[in-house]
Structures are given as structure tokens and as C-alpha cells.
Amino acid sequence: MGKVTKAEPHLTLDEIDQKIKITVGFWRVQRWLVIRHALVDPKPASEIALHVGLSTQTVHNLISQYNRYGVKAIETPGRGRRQRAYMSLAEEKEFLSHFLEKAQLGKVSTVKEIKDALEKKLGRGVHDSTVYRLLSRHGWRKIVPRPRHVKADPLVQEAFKKTSPKK
């Protein structure tokens, strides 16, 4: 049998029961059930995980975070979306507006230039793929002129050169 998993009493059982009742979202309720289970009937994390329907590691992580930070560890903003974003979408749009103005004047903005400006703004290095995803997210795309026309026929061009009138 493993080590007994206990939770610190940051909230009373009545407060936790109230949180379970008012909480919206199944996975958020599961988090509170883990804390309640660890307070009422401390058992090894594997048994709590089996009872609540989570992995053992998730139970360890939840209890550890709850013991360390209290209620704010359980009531997180959510899953998915942009949890690890460097900037909000509005900040990204504002950041790219300078380069958009420059592009409208006919100047070319390179990824290297944008990456350097982003690193300067964030105060840390970022990977090239971060910049490409940023540009893609805001509808930017790479436009490069073709080296030659797709339907160009070298034989026809040579014939035209020979038969065209000289100036």
C-alpha cells in the first residue's frame, strides 16, 4: 500500500461541498472531489484516482498544488486555449500593426526582423516556429514572385525575339 495522500484544510468540508454544487464543468468538479476525498478519507493517491476517475499522477499534482497554493490552484482559468501564450491576441495584433503599416508602404518585412522585434519585446528568445505560428494566426502568408511564368515556352520566346521588329 502506498503513501497516504492528505490535503491541507484550506477550506472546510461545507465550503468544498458548496464549491462542488456551484462548479460548472465535469473536470472542475472532479478536482474538488479529489480534494474532498483527501480531506475526508485520506488514502493512497492510486485509490483516490480510481475512485474519482483520474490518473494517479493527476491526483498527486492536484493535492500538491492545493497544499501549496490553496483554492487558486483548483480554480484555474480552464484547459486548452492560449494558456502558455506570450501575448494576448490583441497584443499580438498591436505588435504586428507596425509591420503591416510598413508593408502597406511597399517595404518588405522579413521573419528575421519580426523575430528580433518579438524577442526584444518579450525580453527572451523565441523559436522560429513561434513567429511563423504568430504570422499564420493573423492571416499573414509568404508571397514570393515566381522566377518565371508557368506557361512560358522558351522556344516561343526565342522565335519572338527573332521575328519582333527592332527599334
C-alpha atoms as a PDB file:
ATOM      1  CA  MET A   1       0.000   0.000   0.000  1.00  0.00           C
ATOM      2  CA  GLY A   2       1.299   3.419  -0.968  1.00  0.00           C
ATOM      3  CA  LYS A   3       1.790   6.594   0.985  1.00  0.00           C
ATOM      4  CA  VAL A   4      -1.406   8.214   2.284  1.00  0.00           C
ATOM      5  CA  THR A   5      -2.365  11.364   0.399  1.00  0.00           C
ATOM      6  CA  LYS A   6      -3.615  14.192   2.623  1.00  0.00           C
ATOM      7  CA  ALA A   7      -4.819  17.674   1.782  1.00  0.00           C
ATOM      8  CA  GLU A   8      -4.314  20.797   3.869  1.00  0.00           C
ATOM      9  CA  PRO A   9      -7.563  22.176   5.341  1.00  0.00           C
ATOM     10  CA  HIS A  10      -7.645  25.479   3.406  1.00  0.00           C
ATOM     11  CA  LEU A  11     -11.451  25.192   3.261  1.00  0.00           C
ATOM     12  CA  THR A  12     -13.987  23.405   5.449  1.00  0.00           C
ATOM     13  CA  LEU A  13     -15.964  20.423   4.153  1.00  0.00           C
ATOM     14  CA  ASP A  14     -19.110  22.551   3.888  1.00  0.00           C
ATOM     15  CA  GLU A  15     -17.256  25.104   1.749  1.00  0.00           C
ATOM     16  CA  ILE A  16     -15.889  22.338  -0.502  1.00  0.00           C
ATOM     17  CA  ASP A  17     -19.381  20.812  -0.834  1.00  0.00           C
ATOM     18  CA  GLN A  18     -20.703  24.244  -1.792  1.00  0.00           C
ATOM     19  CA  LYS A  19     -17.916  24.602  -4.400  1.00  0.00           C
ATOM     20  CA  ILE A  20     -18.865  21.189  -5.855  1.00  0.00           C
ATOM     21  CA  LYS A  21     -22.523  22.266  -6.132  1.00  0.00           C
ATOM     22  CA  ILE A  22     -21.866  25.589  -7.857  1.00  0.00           C
ATOM     23  CA  THR A  23     -18.969  24.487 -10.057  1.00  0.00           C
ATOM     24  CA  VAL A  24     -19.732  24.162 -13.767  1.00  0.00           C
ATOM     25  CA  GLY A  25     -17.830  21.595 -15.806  1.00  0.00           C
ATOM     26  CA  PHE A  26     -17.198  17.947 -15.077  1.00  0.00           C
ATOM     27  CA  TRP A  27     -13.415  18.153 -14.873  1.00  0.00           C
ATOM     28  CA  ARG A  28     -13.627  21.076 -12.407  1.00  0.00           C
ATOM     29  CA  VAL A  29     -15.967  19.046 -10.176  1.00  0.00           C
ATOM     30  CA  GLN A  30     -13.516  16.132 -10.337  1.00  0.00           C
ATOM     31  CA  ARG A  31     -10.776  18.366  -8.988  1.00  0.00           C
ATOM     32  CA  TRP A  32     -12.887  19.361  -5.994  1.00  0.00           C
ATOM     33  CA  LEU A  33     -13.853  15.707  -5.432  1.00  0.00           C
ATOM     34  CA  VAL A  34     -10.164  14.797  -5.197  1.00  0.00           C
ATOM     35  CA  ILE A  35      -9.624  17.457  -2.532  1.00  0.00           C
ATOM     36  CA  ARG A  36     -12.745  16.396  -0.628  1.00  0.00           C
ATOM     37  CA  HIS A  37     -11.715  12.751  -0.751  1.00  0.00           C
ATOM     38  CA  ALA A  38      -8.216  13.590   0.511  1.00  0.00           C
ATOM     39  CA  LEU A  39      -9.682  15.592   3.420  1.00  0.00           C
ATOM     40  CA  VAL A  40     -12.463  13.205   4.459  1.00  0.00           C
ATOM     41  CA  ASP A  41     -10.830   9.851   3.852  1.00  0.00           C
ATOM     42  CA  PRO A  42      -7.073  10.142   3.191  1.00  0.00           C
ATOM     43  CA  LYS A  43      -5.890   7.163   1.162  1.00  0.00           C
ATOM     44  CA  PRO A  44      -3.076   6.484  -1.306  1.00  0.00           C
ATOM     45  CA  ALA A  45      -3.306   8.556  -4.473  1.00  0.00           C
ATOM     46  CA  SER A  46      -3.918   5.441  -6.561  1.00  0.00           C
ATOM     47  CA  GLU A  47      -7.130   4.676  -4.635  1.00  0.00           C
ATOM     48  CA  ILE A  48      -8.344   8.278  -4.827  1.00  0.00           C
ATOM     49  CA  ALA A  49      -7.598   8.265  -8.558  1.00  0.00           C
ATOM     50  CA  LEU A  50      -9.548   5.043  -9.051  1.00  0.00           C
ATOM     51  CA  HIS A  51     -12.492   6.409  -7.070  1.00  0.00           C
ATOM     52  CA  VAL A  52     -12.649   9.796  -8.834  1.00  0.00           C
ATOM     53  CA  GLY A  53     -11.674   8.636 -12.322  1.00  0.00           C
ATOM     54  CA  LEU A  54      -8.354  10.401 -12.802  1.00  0.00           C
ATOM     55  CA  SER A  55      -4.785   9.227 -13.161  1.00  0.00           C
ATOM     56  CA  THR A  56      -2.628   8.779 -10.084  1.00  0.00           C
ATOM     57  CA  GLN A  57      -0.213  11.463 -11.267  1.00  0.00           C
ATOM     58  CA  THR A  58      -3.058  13.952 -11.683  1.00  0.00           C
ATOM     59  CA  VAL A  59      -4.144  13.305  -8.093  1.00  0.00           C
ATOM     60  CA  HIS A  60      -0.562  13.830  -6.892  1.00  0.00           C
ATOM     61  CA  ASN A  61      -0.323  17.076  -8.840  1.00  0.00           C
ATOM     62  CA  LEU A  62      -3.703  18.393  -7.632  1.00  0.00           C
ATOM     63  CA  ILE A  63      -3.034  17.649  -3.974  1.00  0.00           C
ATOM     64  CA  SER A  64       0.456  19.116  -4.167  1.00  0.00           C
ATOM     65  CA  GLN A  65      -0.771  22.305  -5.836  1.00  0.00           C
ATOM     66  CA  TYR A  66      -3.711  22.619  -3.421  1.00  0.00           C
ATOM     67  CA  ASN A  67      -1.480  22.141  -0.381  1.00  0.00           C
ATOM     68  CA  ARG A  68       0.940  24.745  -1.679  1.00  0.00           C
ATOM     69  CA  TYR A  69      -1.375  27.417  -3.158  1.00  0.00           C
ATOM     70  CA  GLY A  70      -4.838  26.708  -1.756  1.00  0.00           C
ATOM     71  CA  VAL A  71      -8.080  27.378  -3.630  1.00  0.00           C
ATOM     72  CA  LYS A  72      -6.483  29.246  -6.545  1.00  0.00           C
ATOM     73  CA  ALA A  73      -4.688  26.028  -7.552  1.00  0.00           C
ATOM     74  CA  ILE A  74      -8.034  24.306  -8.157  1.00  0.00           C
ATOM     75  CA  GLU A  75      -9.919  27.216  -9.718  1.00  0.00           C
ATOM     76  CA  THR A  76      -7.748  27.748 -12.759  1.00  0.00           C
ATOM     77  CA  PRO A  77      -8.980  29.582 -15.861  1.00  0.00           C
ATOM     78  CA  GLY A  78      -9.524  26.412 -17.843  1.00  0.00           C
ATOM     79  CA  ARG A  79      -7.986  23.901 -20.187  1.00  0.00           C
ATOM     80  CA  GLY A  80      -6.805  24.423 -23.716  1.00  0.00           C
ATOM     81  CA  ARG A  81      -6.945  27.740 -25.480  1.00  0.00           C
ATOM     82  CA  ARG A  82      -3.924  30.001 -25.019  1.00  0.00           C
ATOM     83  CA  GLN A  83      -2.654  29.070 -21.568  1.00  0.00           C
ATOM     84  CA  ARG A  84       1.023  29.447 -22.475  1.00  0.00           C
ATOM     85  CA  ALA A  85       0.809  32.382 -24.865  1.00  0.00           C
ATOM     86  CA  TYR A  86       3.446  35.090 -24.695  1.00  0.00           C
ATOM     87  CA  MET A  87       0.893  37.792 -25.542  1.00  0.00           C
ATOM     88  CA  SER A  88      -2.861  38.073 -25.886  1.00  0.00           C
ATOM     89  CA  LEU A  89      -4.368  38.202 -29.378  1.00  0.00           C
ATOM     90  CA  ALA A  90      -4.918  41.954 -29.052  1.00  0.00           C
ATOM     91  CA  GLU A  91      -1.282  42.486 -28.050  1.00  0.00           C
ATOM     92  CA  GLU A  92      -0.138  40.350 -30.986  1.00  0.00           C
ATOM     93  CA  LYS A  93      -2.291  42.386 -33.366  1.00  0.00           C
ATOM     94  CA  GLU A  94      -0.864  45.615 -31.974  1.00  0.00           C
ATOM     95  CA  PHE A  95       2.669  44.211 -32.285  1.00  0.00           C
ATOM     96  CA  LEU A  96       2.143  43.298 -35.946  1.00  0.00           C
ATOM     97  CA  SER A  97       0.464  46.622 -36.819  1.00  0.00           C
ATOM     98  CA  HIS A  98       3.880  48.311 -37.179  1.00  0.00           C
ATOM     99  CA  PHE A  99       4.950  45.716 -39.724  1.00  0.00           C
ATOM    100  CA  LEU A 100       1.596  45.967 -41.514  1.00  0.00           C
ATOM    101  CA  GLU A 101       1.991  49.740 -41.900  1.00  0.00           C
ATOM    102  CA  LYS A 102       5.480  49.162 -43.248  1.00  0.00           C
ATOM    103  CA  ALA A 103       4.177  46.562 -45.717  1.00  0.00           C
ATOM    104  CA  GLN A 104       1.472  48.938 -46.962  1.00  0.00           C
ATOM    105  CA  LEU A 105       4.212  51.419 -47.834  1.00  0.00           C
ATOM    106  CA  GLY A 106       5.721  48.756 -50.075  1.00  0.00           C
ATOM    107  CA  LYS A 107       8.524  47.678 -47.784  1.00  0.00           C
ATOM    108  CA  VAL A 108       9.219  44.027 -47.066  1.00  0.00           C
ATOM    109  CA  SER A 109       9.035  42.617 -43.540  1.00  0.00           C
ATOM    110  CA  THR A 110      11.116  39.514 -43.005  1.00  0.00           C
ATOM    111  CA  VAL A 111      10.601  36.815 -40.403  1.00  0.00           C
ATOM    112  CA  LYS A 112      14.065  37.548 -39.004  1.00  0.00           C
ATOM    113  CA  GLU A 113      13.137  41.183 -38.490  1.00  0.00           C
ATOM    114  CA  ILE A 114       9.824  40.266 -36.837  1.00  0.00           C
ATOM    115  CA  LYS A 115      11.539  37.637 -34.662  1.00  0.00           C
ATOM    116  CA  ASP A 116      14.156  40.134 -33.457  1.00  0.00           C
ATOM    117  CA  ALA A 117      11.439  42.669 -32.578  1.00  0.00           C
ATOM    118  CA  LEU A 118       9.421  39.974 -30.773  1.00  0.00           C
ATOM    119  CA  GLU A 119      12.431  38.837 -28.756  1.00  0.00           C
ATOM    120  CA  LYS A 120      13.181  42.440 -27.823  1.00  0.00           C
ATOM    121  CA  LYS A 121       9.572  42.988 -26.717  1.00  0.00           C
ATOM    122  CA  LEU A 122       9.421  39.755 -24.686  1.00  0.00           C
ATOM    123  CA  GLY A 123      12.930  40.029 -23.298  1.00  0.00           C
ATOM    124  CA  ARG A 124      13.724  36.416 -24.142  1.00  0.00           C
ATOM    125  CA  GLY A 125      14.492  34.231 -27.133  1.00  0.00           C
ATOM    126  CA  VAL A 126      11.770  32.532 -29.138  1.00  0.00           C
ATOM    127  CA  HIS A 127      11.890  29.742 -31.695  1.00  0.00           C
ATOM    128  CA  ASP A 128      11.357  30.438 -35.392  1.00  0.00           C
ATOM    129  CA  SER A 129       8.188  28.323 -35.387  1.00  0.00           C
ATOM    130  CA  THR A 130       6.680  30.676 -32.791  1.00  0.00           C
ATOM    131  CA  VAL A 131       6.995  33.564 -35.225  1.00  0.00           C
ATOM    132  CA  TYR A 132       5.589  31.547 -38.127  1.00  0.00           C
ATOM    133  CA  ARG A 133       2.579  30.473 -36.000  1.00  0.00           C
ATOM    134  CA  LEU A 134       2.068  34.106 -34.921  1.00  0.00           C
ATOM    135  CA  LEU A 135       2.024  35.261 -38.529  1.00  0.00           C
ATOM    136  CA  SER A 136      -0.258  32.416 -39.590  1.00  0.00           C
ATOM    137  CA  ARG A 137      -2.657  33.142 -36.730  1.00  0.00           C
ATOM    138  CA  HIS A 138      -3.097  36.693 -38.027  1.00  0.00           C
ATOM    139  CA  GLY A 139      -3.533  35.717 -41.663  1.00  0.00           C
ATOM    140  CA  TRP A 140      -0.076  36.631 -42.904  1.00  0.00           C
ATOM    141  CA  ARG A 141       1.351  34.476 -45.655  1.00  0.00           C
ATOM    142  CA  LYS A 142       4.540  34.282 -47.607  1.00  0.00           C
ATOM    143  CA  ILE A 143       4.240  35.852 -51.046  1.00  0.00           C
ATOM    144  CA  VAL A 144       7.192  35.314 -53.343  1.00  0.00           C
ATOM    145  CA  PRO A 145       7.273  36.147 -57.056  1.00  0.00           C
ATOM    146  CA  ARG A 146       7.815  33.238 -59.404  1.00  0.00           C
ATOM    147  CA  PRO A 147      11.177  33.104 -61.117  1.00  0.00           C
ATOM    148  CA  ARG A 148       9.400  32.528 -64.446  1.00  0.00           C
ATOM    149  CA  HIS A 149       5.842  32.236 -65.739  1.00  0.00           C
ATOM    150  CA  VAL A 150       4.299  28.794 -65.502  1.00  0.00           C
ATOM    151  CA  LYS A 151       3.174  28.755 -69.136  1.00  0.00           C
ATOM    152  CA  ALA A 152       6.391  30.262 -70.513  1.00  0.00           C
ATOM    153  CA  ASP A 153       7.762  28.385 -73.516  1.00  0.00           C
ATOM    154  CA  PRO A 154      11.457  29.077 -74.253  1.00  0.00           C
ATOM    155  CA  LEU A 155      11.059  28.101 -77.940  1.00  0.00           C
ATOM    156  CA  VAL A 156       8.240  30.591 -78.485  1.00  0.00           C
ATOM    157  CA  GLN A 157      10.265  33.296 -76.726  1.00  0.00           C
ATOM    158  CA  GLU A 158      13.270  32.688 -78.966  1.00  0.00           C
ATOM    159  CA  ALA A 159      11.055  32.795 -82.051  1.00  0.00           C
ATOM    160  CA  PHE A 160       9.527  36.063 -80.891  1.00  0.00           C
ATOM    161  CA  LYS A 161      12.968  37.592 -80.369  1.00  0.00           C
ATOM    162  CA  LYS A 162      13.950  36.683 -83.943  1.00  0.00           C
ATOM    163  CA  THR A 163      10.750  37.948 -85.572  1.00  0.00           C
ATOM    164  CA  SER A 164       9.987  41.026 -83.499  1.00  0.00           C
ATOM    165  CA  PRO A 165      10.694  44.392 -85.146  1.00  0.00           C
ATOM    166  CA  LYS A 166      13.816  46.180 -83.995  1.00  0.00           C
ATOM    167  CA  LYS A 167      13.532  49.704 -82.670  1.00  0.00           C
END
